[in-house]
């Protein structure tokens, strides 16, 4: 009986903390980028000791711990309310390079579309192919709207 209870507990907690994963390309669209609504305002996640810890953008000390670049993909973990509807995330930029001292960067934000108004907490690992922004001669630098920190993609 004890074994069955432990197994059921594992199944329940495993599903509660399961992460959904999404792969998509960055969207380059100045009209979508400048829409006043539908951008993600939630917390970003980082794995610490087997747990997902969430931080609001303005509390992040090093943005490159939360926005991780590897093999052409920018990976971002997000936490959001979910449970019974559909959600969609897109990494968007207006496509214009901004000059800042010795670096040029793209402004980015996550477009968040949800018709899911349930009260469960979900986690999703978003993987965005940002190769459209690469010129293969220098690293890609990004700034998330609302942060002064540079995301380094090299």
N, C-alpha and C. Protein backbone atom coordinates (compact mmCIF):
# COMPACT_ATOMS: atom_id res chain seq x y z
N UNK A 1 0.82 -1.19 0.00
CA UNK A 1 0.00 0.00 0.00
C UNK A 1 0.87 1.26 0.00
N UNK A 2 1.93 1.24 0.81
CA UNK A 2 2.83 2.39 0.89
C UNK A 2 3.47 2.66 -0.47
N UNK A 3 3.85 1.61 -1.17
CA UNK A 3 4.46 1.74 -2.49
C UNK A 3 3.49 2.36 -3.48
N UNK A 4 2.24 1.95 -3.41
CA UNK A 4 1.22 2.51 -4.32
C UNK A 4 1.02 3.99 -4.03
N UNK A 5 0.95 4.36 -2.75
CA UNK A 5 0.78 5.77 -2.40
C UNK A 5 1.96 6.61 -2.87
N UNK A 6 3.18 6.10 -2.70
CA UNK A 6 4.36 6.82 -3.17
C UNK A 6 4.34 6.97 -4.69
N UNK A 7 3.93 5.92 -5.38
CA UNK A 7 3.85 5.97 -6.83
C UNK A 7 2.83 7.01 -7.28
N UNK A 8 1.65 7.02 -6.63
CA UNK A 8 0.62 8.00 -6.98
C UNK A 8 1.10 9.43 -6.69
N UNK A 9 1.78 9.62 -5.57
CA UNK A 9 2.33 10.92 -5.24
C UNK A 9 3.33 11.38 -6.30
N UNK A 10 4.18 10.46 -6.76
CA UNK A 10 5.14 10.77 -7.81
C UNK A 10 4.43 11.18 -9.09
N UNK A 11 3.39 10.45 -9.47
CA UNK A 11 2.65 10.79 -10.69
C UNK A 11 1.99 12.16 -10.58
N UNK A 12 1.39 12.45 -9.45
CA UNK A 12 0.71 13.73 -9.27
C UNK A 12 1.70 14.88 -9.29
N UNK A 13 2.76 14.80 -8.50
CA UNK A 13 3.73 15.90 -8.45
C UNK A 13 4.49 16.00 -9.75
N UNK A 14 4.74 14.90 -10.41
CA UNK A 14 5.42 14.94 -11.71
C UNK A 14 4.61 15.70 -12.73
N UNK A 15 3.29 15.52 -12.71
CA UNK A 15 2.43 16.23 -13.64
C UNK A 15 2.24 17.70 -13.26
N UNK A 16 2.23 17.99 -11.96
CA UNK A 16 2.08 19.38 -11.54
C UNK A 16 3.26 20.23 -11.97
N UNK A 17 4.44 19.65 -11.94
CA UNK A 17 5.64 20.42 -12.24
C UNK A 17 6.19 20.11 -13.62
N UNK A 18 5.43 19.40 -14.43
CA UNK A 18 5.89 19.07 -15.78
C UNK A 18 6.00 20.35 -16.60
N UNK A 19 6.99 20.36 -17.46
CA UNK A 19 7.19 21.52 -18.32
C UNK A 19 6.78 21.17 -19.74
N UNK A 20 6.01 22.03 -20.32
CA UNK A 20 5.67 21.91 -21.72
C UNK A 20 6.80 22.56 -22.50
N UNK A 21 7.08 22.07 -23.70
CA UNK A 21 8.17 22.64 -24.48
C UNK A 21 7.64 23.05 -25.85
N UNK A 22 8.15 24.18 -26.33
CA UNK A 22 7.71 24.72 -27.62
C UNK A 22 8.93 25.13 -28.43
N UNK A 23 8.92 24.82 -29.73
CA UNK A 23 9.97 25.24 -30.65
C UNK A 23 9.33 26.08 -31.75
N UNK A 24 9.91 27.25 -32.02
CA UNK A 24 9.42 28.09 -33.11
C UNK A 24 10.51 29.07 -33.52
N UNK A 25 10.27 29.76 -34.63
CA UNK A 25 11.23 30.77 -35.12
C UNK A 25 10.86 32.13 -34.57
N UNK A 26 11.86 33.00 -34.49
CA UNK A 26 11.60 34.38 -34.12
C UNK A 26 10.74 35.02 -35.21
N UNK A 27 9.85 35.90 -34.81
CA UNK A 27 8.97 36.60 -35.75
C UNK A 27 9.50 38.02 -35.90
N UNK A 28 9.74 38.42 -37.14
CA UNK A 28 10.19 39.79 -37.42
C UNK A 28 9.00 40.54 -38.00
N UNK A 29 8.43 41.43 -37.17
CA UNK A 29 7.23 42.16 -37.58
C UNK A 29 7.11 43.44 -36.76
N UNK A 30 7.30 44.58 -37.40
CA UNK A 30 7.19 45.82 -36.63
C UNK A 30 5.74 46.10 -36.23
N UNK A 31 4.75 45.68 -37.02
CA UNK A 31 3.36 45.93 -36.64
C UNK A 31 2.97 45.10 -35.41
N UNK A 32 3.38 43.84 -35.33
CA UNK A 32 3.09 43.01 -34.17
C UNK A 32 3.91 43.46 -32.96
N UNK A 33 5.15 43.86 -33.20
CA UNK A 33 6.04 44.27 -32.11
C UNK A 33 5.49 45.48 -31.36
N UNK A 34 4.89 46.40 -32.08
CA UNK A 34 4.43 47.64 -31.46
C UNK A 34 2.96 47.63 -31.03
N UNK A 35 2.30 46.48 -31.09
CA UNK A 35 0.94 46.41 -30.54
C UNK A 35 1.00 46.66 -29.04
N UNK A 36 0.08 47.45 -28.50
CA UNK A 36 0.17 47.80 -27.08
C UNK A 36 -0.22 46.68 -26.12
N UNK A 37 -0.83 45.62 -26.60
CA UNK A 37 -1.25 44.55 -25.70
C UNK A 37 -0.64 43.23 -26.15
N UNK A 38 -0.98 42.19 -25.45
CA UNK A 38 -0.59 40.81 -25.76
C UNK A 38 0.90 40.53 -25.61
N UNK A 39 1.62 41.28 -24.81
CA UNK A 39 2.98 40.85 -24.57
C UNK A 39 3.10 40.31 -23.16
N UNK A 40 4.02 39.38 -23.00
CA UNK A 40 4.17 38.62 -21.77
C UNK A 40 4.69 39.50 -20.64
N UNK A 41 3.98 39.50 -19.51
CA UNK A 41 4.35 40.29 -18.34
C UNK A 41 4.60 39.42 -17.12
N UNK A 42 4.66 38.12 -17.30
CA UNK A 42 4.81 37.19 -16.19
C UNK A 42 6.24 37.03 -15.73
N UNK A 43 6.50 35.93 -15.05
CA UNK A 43 7.84 35.69 -14.54
C UNK A 43 8.60 34.73 -15.45
N UNK A 44 9.91 34.86 -15.41
CA UNK A 44 10.81 34.00 -16.18
C UNK A 44 11.42 32.99 -15.23
N UNK A 45 11.67 31.79 -15.72
CA UNK A 45 12.12 30.73 -14.84
C UNK A 45 13.57 30.36 -15.02
N UNK A 46 14.13 29.85 -13.93
CA UNK A 46 15.48 29.31 -13.93
C UNK A 46 15.44 28.05 -13.06
N UNK A 47 16.09 26.99 -13.51
CA UNK A 47 16.12 25.75 -12.74
C UNK A 47 17.20 25.83 -11.68
N UNK A 48 16.80 25.56 -10.45
CA UNK A 48 17.74 25.58 -9.32
C UNK A 48 17.48 24.36 -8.46
N UNK A 49 18.41 23.43 -8.44
CA UNK A 49 18.29 22.26 -7.60
C UNK A 49 17.07 21.41 -7.87
N UNK A 50 16.68 21.28 -9.13
CA UNK A 50 15.52 20.47 -9.49
C UNK A 50 14.20 21.21 -9.43
N UNK A 51 14.21 22.47 -9.01
CA UNK A 51 12.99 23.27 -8.94
C UNK A 51 13.08 24.43 -9.92
N UNK A 52 11.93 24.88 -10.38
CA UNK A 52 11.87 26.04 -11.28
C UNK A 52 11.56 27.27 -10.45
N UNK A 53 12.49 28.19 -10.44
CA UNK A 53 12.36 29.43 -9.68
C UNK A 53 11.98 30.54 -10.66
N UNK A 54 10.96 31.32 -10.35
CA UNK A 54 10.51 32.39 -11.23
C UNK A 54 10.89 33.77 -10.71
N UNK A 55 11.23 34.66 -11.63
CA UNK A 55 11.56 36.06 -11.30
C UNK A 55 10.89 36.98 -12.30
N UNK A 56 10.42 38.10 -11.82
CA UNK A 56 9.94 39.15 -12.71
C UNK A 56 11.15 39.79 -13.39
N UNK A 57 10.94 40.34 -14.56
CA UNK A 57 12.03 40.89 -15.36
C UNK A 57 12.87 41.91 -14.60
N UNK A 58 12.23 42.80 -13.87
CA UNK A 58 12.99 43.84 -13.19
C UNK A 58 13.76 43.35 -11.96
N UNK A 59 13.57 42.09 -11.55
CA UNK A 59 14.32 41.51 -10.43
C UNK A 59 15.46 40.60 -10.88
N UNK A 60 15.63 40.42 -12.17
CA UNK A 60 16.67 39.52 -12.68
C UNK A 60 18.03 40.20 -12.61
N UNK A 61 18.98 39.55 -11.92
CA UNK A 61 20.33 40.11 -11.79
C UNK A 61 21.15 39.92 -13.06
N UNK A 62 21.13 38.72 -13.63
CA UNK A 62 21.85 38.45 -14.88
C UNK A 62 20.88 37.80 -15.86
N UNK A 63 20.48 38.57 -16.85
CA UNK A 63 19.46 38.11 -17.80
C UNK A 63 19.92 36.87 -18.58
N UNK A 64 21.23 36.67 -18.72
CA UNK A 64 21.73 35.52 -19.46
C UNK A 64 21.59 34.21 -18.68
N UNK A 65 21.22 34.26 -17.41
CA UNK A 65 20.88 33.05 -16.67
C UNK A 65 19.47 32.60 -17.02
N UNK A 66 18.62 33.51 -17.47
CA UNK A 66 17.22 33.22 -17.77
C UNK A 66 16.95 33.10 -19.27
N UNK A 67 17.73 33.79 -20.07
CA UNK A 67 17.62 33.74 -21.54
C UNK A 67 18.91 33.07 -22.02
N UNK A 68 18.82 31.80 -22.36
CA UNK A 68 20.02 31.00 -22.64
C UNK A 68 20.11 30.70 -24.14
N UNK A 69 21.26 31.04 -24.72
CA UNK A 69 21.49 30.80 -26.15
C UNK A 69 22.37 29.57 -26.33
N UNK A 70 21.94 28.66 -27.21
CA UNK A 70 22.74 27.46 -27.50
C UNK A 70 22.31 26.91 -28.86
N UNK A 71 23.29 26.67 -29.71
CA UNK A 71 23.07 26.04 -31.02
C UNK A 71 21.99 26.73 -31.86
N UNK A 72 22.00 28.05 -31.87
CA UNK A 72 21.07 28.80 -32.71
C UNK A 72 19.72 29.08 -32.08
N UNK A 73 19.48 28.54 -30.89
CA UNK A 73 18.19 28.73 -30.21
C UNK A 73 18.35 29.55 -28.94
N UNK A 74 17.40 30.45 -28.72
CA UNK A 74 17.29 31.17 -27.47
C UNK A 74 16.21 30.46 -26.66
N UNK A 75 16.58 29.95 -25.48
CA UNK A 75 15.66 29.21 -24.63
C UNK A 75 15.25 30.08 -23.45
N UNK A 76 13.95 30.16 -23.23
CA UNK A 76 13.38 30.98 -22.16
C UNK A 76 12.32 30.14 -21.47
N UNK A 77 12.37 30.09 -20.15
CA UNK A 77 11.34 29.38 -19.38
C UNK A 77 10.38 30.42 -18.82
N UNK A 78 9.08 30.16 -18.98
CA UNK A 78 8.06 31.08 -18.49
C UNK A 78 7.08 30.36 -17.58
N UNK A 79 6.49 31.10 -16.66
CA UNK A 79 5.44 30.61 -15.77
C UNK A 79 4.18 31.42 -16.08
N UNK A 80 3.03 30.75 -16.14
CA UNK A 80 1.80 31.47 -16.49
C UNK A 80 0.59 30.69 -15.99
N UNK A 81 -0.52 31.40 -15.84
CA UNK A 81 -1.77 30.75 -15.46
C UNK A 81 -2.34 29.99 -16.63
N UNK A 82 -2.78 28.76 -16.37
CA UNK A 82 -3.26 27.90 -17.46
C UNK A 82 -4.17 26.82 -16.89
N UNK A 83 -4.46 25.85 -17.72
CA UNK A 83 -5.18 24.69 -17.24
C UNK A 83 -6.30 24.19 -18.12
N UNK A 84 -6.96 25.08 -18.88
CA UNK A 84 -8.09 24.58 -19.65
C UNK A 84 -8.26 25.22 -21.02
N UNK A 85 -7.32 25.98 -21.46
CA UNK A 85 -7.44 26.62 -22.77
C UNK A 85 -6.13 26.57 -23.53
N UNK A 86 -6.04 27.35 -24.57
CA UNK A 86 -4.87 27.37 -25.45
C UNK A 86 -4.03 28.62 -25.18
N UNK A 87 -2.73 28.45 -25.17
CA UNK A 87 -1.82 29.58 -25.07
C UNK A 87 -0.80 29.49 -26.18
N UNK A 88 -0.31 30.64 -26.60
CA UNK A 88 0.67 30.68 -27.67
C UNK A 88 1.69 31.76 -27.33
N UNK A 89 2.96 31.45 -27.55
CA UNK A 89 4.04 32.39 -27.30
C UNK A 89 4.83 32.60 -28.59
N UNK A 90 5.22 33.84 -28.86
CA UNK A 90 6.08 34.15 -29.99
C UNK A 90 7.15 35.13 -29.52
N UNK A 91 8.39 34.91 -29.93
CA UNK A 91 9.44 35.90 -29.71
C UNK A 91 9.41 36.81 -30.91
N UNK A 92 9.22 38.10 -30.67
CA UNK A 92 9.09 39.04 -31.79
C UNK A 92 10.11 40.16 -31.67
N UNK A 93 10.48 40.69 -32.81
CA UNK A 93 11.34 41.87 -32.92
C UNK A 93 10.84 42.71 -34.07
N UNK A 94 11.18 43.98 -34.05
CA UNK A 94 10.82 44.82 -35.19
C UNK A 94 11.83 44.66 -36.32
N UNK A 95 12.96 44.00 -36.05
CA UNK A 95 13.95 43.72 -37.08
C UNK A 95 14.99 44.80 -37.28
N UNK A 96 14.92 45.86 -36.50
CA UNK A 96 15.87 46.96 -36.66
C UNK A 96 17.00 46.85 -35.65
N UNK A 97 18.23 47.01 -36.14
CA UNK A 97 19.38 47.02 -35.25
C UNK A 97 19.49 48.39 -34.57
N UNK A 98 19.71 48.35 -33.27
CA UNK A 98 19.88 49.57 -32.49
C UNK A 98 21.35 49.70 -32.14
N UNK A 99 21.94 50.88 -32.35
CA UNK A 99 23.35 51.11 -32.01
C UNK A 99 23.45 51.59 -30.57
N UNK A 100 24.33 50.93 -29.80
CA UNK A 100 24.54 51.30 -28.40
C UNK A 100 26.02 51.15 -28.09
N UNK A 101 26.74 52.25 -28.12
CA UNK A 101 28.19 52.27 -27.88
C UNK A 101 28.89 51.33 -28.84
N UNK A 102 29.45 50.24 -28.36
CA UNK A 102 30.21 49.33 -29.23
C UNK A 102 29.40 48.12 -29.69
N UNK A 103 28.13 48.04 -29.31
CA UNK A 103 27.31 46.88 -29.68
C UNK A 103 26.06 47.33 -30.43
N UNK A 104 25.62 46.46 -31.31
CA UNK A 104 24.35 46.65 -32.00
C UNK A 104 23.43 45.52 -31.56
N UNK A 105 22.17 45.84 -31.28
CA UNK A 105 21.27 44.82 -30.76
C UNK A 105 19.87 44.98 -31.35
N UNK A 106 19.09 43.91 -31.20
CA UNK A 106 17.68 43.91 -31.58
C UNK A 106 16.84 43.97 -30.31
N UNK A 107 15.80 44.76 -30.32
CA UNK A 107 14.82 44.74 -29.24
C UNK A 107 13.89 43.55 -29.46
N UNK A 108 13.60 42.81 -28.39
CA UNK A 108 12.71 41.65 -28.49
C UNK A 108 11.69 41.69 -27.35
N UNK A 109 10.59 41.01 -27.56
CA UNK A 109 9.60 40.79 -26.51
C UNK A 109 8.86 39.50 -26.84
N UNK A 110 8.21 38.94 -25.84
CA UNK A 110 7.41 37.74 -26.06
C UNK A 110 5.96 38.16 -26.21
N UNK A 111 5.39 37.77 -27.33
CA UNK A 111 3.97 37.98 -27.58
C UNK A 111 3.24 36.78 -26.99
N UNK A 112 2.24 37.05 -26.19
CA UNK A 112 1.54 36.02 -25.42
C UNK A 112 0.07 36.08 -25.75
N UNK A 113 -0.46 35.01 -26.32
CA UNK A 113 -1.87 34.94 -26.66
C UNK A 113 -2.49 33.82 -25.84
N UNK A 114 -3.50 34.17 -25.07
CA UNK A 114 -4.11 33.17 -24.20
C UNK A 114 -5.61 33.33 -24.14
N UNK A 115 -6.30 32.22 -24.24
CA UNK A 115 -7.72 32.19 -23.93
C UNK A 115 -7.93 31.21 -22.78
N UNK A 116 -6.88 31.06 -21.97
CA UNK A 116 -6.85 30.11 -20.86
C UNK A 116 -6.92 30.88 -19.55
N UNK A 117 -8.06 30.89 -18.95
CA UNK A 117 -8.26 31.70 -17.74
C UNK A 117 -8.43 30.84 -16.49
N UNK A 118 -7.82 29.67 -16.49
CA UNK A 118 -7.90 28.81 -15.32
C UNK A 118 -6.81 29.18 -14.32
N UNK A 119 -6.85 28.58 -13.16
CA UNK A 119 -5.97 29.02 -12.08
C UNK A 119 -4.77 28.10 -11.84
N UNK A 120 -4.51 27.16 -12.71
CA UNK A 120 -3.33 26.30 -12.54
C UNK A 120 -2.07 27.08 -12.94
N UNK A 121 -0.94 26.69 -12.37
CA UNK A 121 0.33 27.30 -12.74
C UNK A 121 1.06 26.36 -13.68
N UNK A 122 1.37 26.85 -14.86
CA UNK A 122 2.08 26.03 -15.84
C UNK A 122 3.45 26.64 -16.12
N UNK A 123 4.34 25.79 -16.58
CA UNK A 123 5.69 26.19 -16.95
C UNK A 123 5.89 25.76 -18.40
N UNK A 124 6.51 26.60 -19.18
CA UNK A 124 6.80 26.21 -20.55
C UNK A 124 8.22 26.63 -20.88
N UNK A 125 8.93 25.74 -21.54
CA UNK A 125 10.26 26.05 -22.05
C UNK A 125 10.08 26.43 -23.51
N UNK A 126 10.40 27.69 -23.81
CA UNK A 126 10.27 28.23 -25.16
C UNK A 126 11.63 28.22 -25.83
N UNK A 127 11.70 27.64 -27.01
CA UNK A 127 12.95 27.57 -27.77
C UNK A 127 12.73 28.29 -29.09
N UNK A 128 13.44 29.39 -29.29
CA UNK A 128 13.24 30.20 -30.48
C UNK A 128 14.49 30.16 -31.36
N UNK A 129 14.30 29.77 -32.61
CA UNK A 129 15.37 29.81 -33.60
C UNK A 129 15.57 31.26 -34.00
N UNK A 130 16.75 31.80 -33.67
CA UNK A 130 17.01 33.22 -33.98
C UNK A 130 18.04 33.36 -35.11
N UNK A 131 18.23 32.31 -35.88
CA UNK A 131 19.24 32.34 -36.95
C UNK A 131 18.94 33.38 -38.02
N UNK A 132 17.68 33.83 -38.17
CA UNK A 132 17.35 34.89 -39.13
C UNK A 132 18.09 36.18 -38.82
N UNK A 133 18.49 36.36 -37.56
CA UNK A 133 19.15 37.59 -37.15
C UNK A 133 20.66 37.52 -37.29
N UNK A 134 21.19 36.36 -37.59
CA UNK A 134 22.64 36.16 -37.60
C UNK A 134 23.28 36.60 -38.91
N UNK A 135 24.46 37.21 -38.78
CA UNK A 135 25.24 37.51 -39.98
C UNK A 135 26.53 36.68 -39.99
N UNK A 136 26.67 35.77 -39.03
CA UNK A 136 27.77 34.82 -38.90
C UNK A 136 29.14 35.46 -38.68
N UNK A 137 29.24 36.78 -38.60
CA UNK A 137 30.52 37.45 -38.38
C UNK A 137 30.68 37.91 -36.94
N UNK A 138 29.57 38.16 -36.28
CA UNK A 138 29.63 38.66 -34.91
C UNK A 138 28.46 38.08 -34.11
N UNK A 139 28.58 38.09 -32.79
CA UNK A 139 27.48 37.57 -31.97
C UNK A 139 26.22 38.41 -32.14
N UNK A 140 25.09 37.81 -31.81
CA UNK A 140 23.82 38.52 -31.82
C UNK A 140 23.58 39.04 -30.41
N UNK A 141 23.21 40.29 -30.30
CA UNK A 141 22.85 40.87 -29.01
C UNK A 141 21.38 41.24 -29.05
N UNK A 142 20.69 40.95 -27.97
CA UNK A 142 19.27 41.25 -27.86
C UNK A 142 19.02 42.01 -26.56
N UNK A 143 18.01 42.84 -26.55
CA UNK A 143 17.53 43.46 -25.32
C UNK A 143 16.04 43.21 -25.23
N UNK A 144 15.62 42.64 -24.10
CA UNK A 144 14.20 42.42 -23.89
C UNK A 144 13.58 43.75 -23.45
N UNK A 145 12.46 44.12 -24.05
CA UNK A 145 11.80 45.37 -23.73
C UNK A 145 11.51 45.42 -22.23
N UNK A 146 11.96 46.49 -21.58
CA UNK A 146 11.78 46.64 -20.15
C UNK A 146 13.02 46.32 -19.34
N UNK A 147 14.07 45.85 -19.99
CA UNK A 147 15.32 45.54 -19.30
C UNK A 147 16.47 46.32 -19.94
N UNK A 148 17.44 46.71 -19.14
CA UNK A 148 18.62 47.38 -19.65
C UNK A 148 19.75 46.39 -19.95
N UNK A 149 19.55 45.12 -19.58
CA UNK A 149 20.61 44.13 -19.75
C UNK A 149 20.65 43.58 -21.18
N UNK A 150 21.85 43.22 -21.61
CA UNK A 150 22.07 42.68 -22.94
C UNK A 150 22.05 41.15 -22.90
N UNK A 151 21.26 40.53 -23.77
CA UNK A 151 21.26 39.08 -23.93
C UNK A 151 22.32 38.77 -24.99
N UNK A 152 23.28 37.94 -24.62
CA UNK A 152 24.40 37.63 -25.52
C UNK A 152 24.16 36.28 -26.18
N UNK A 153 24.16 36.28 -27.50
CA UNK A 153 23.91 35.06 -28.28
C UNK A 153 25.14 34.78 -29.13
N UNK A 154 26.05 33.98 -28.60
CA UNK A 154 27.25 33.63 -29.37
C UNK A 154 27.66 32.22 -29.09
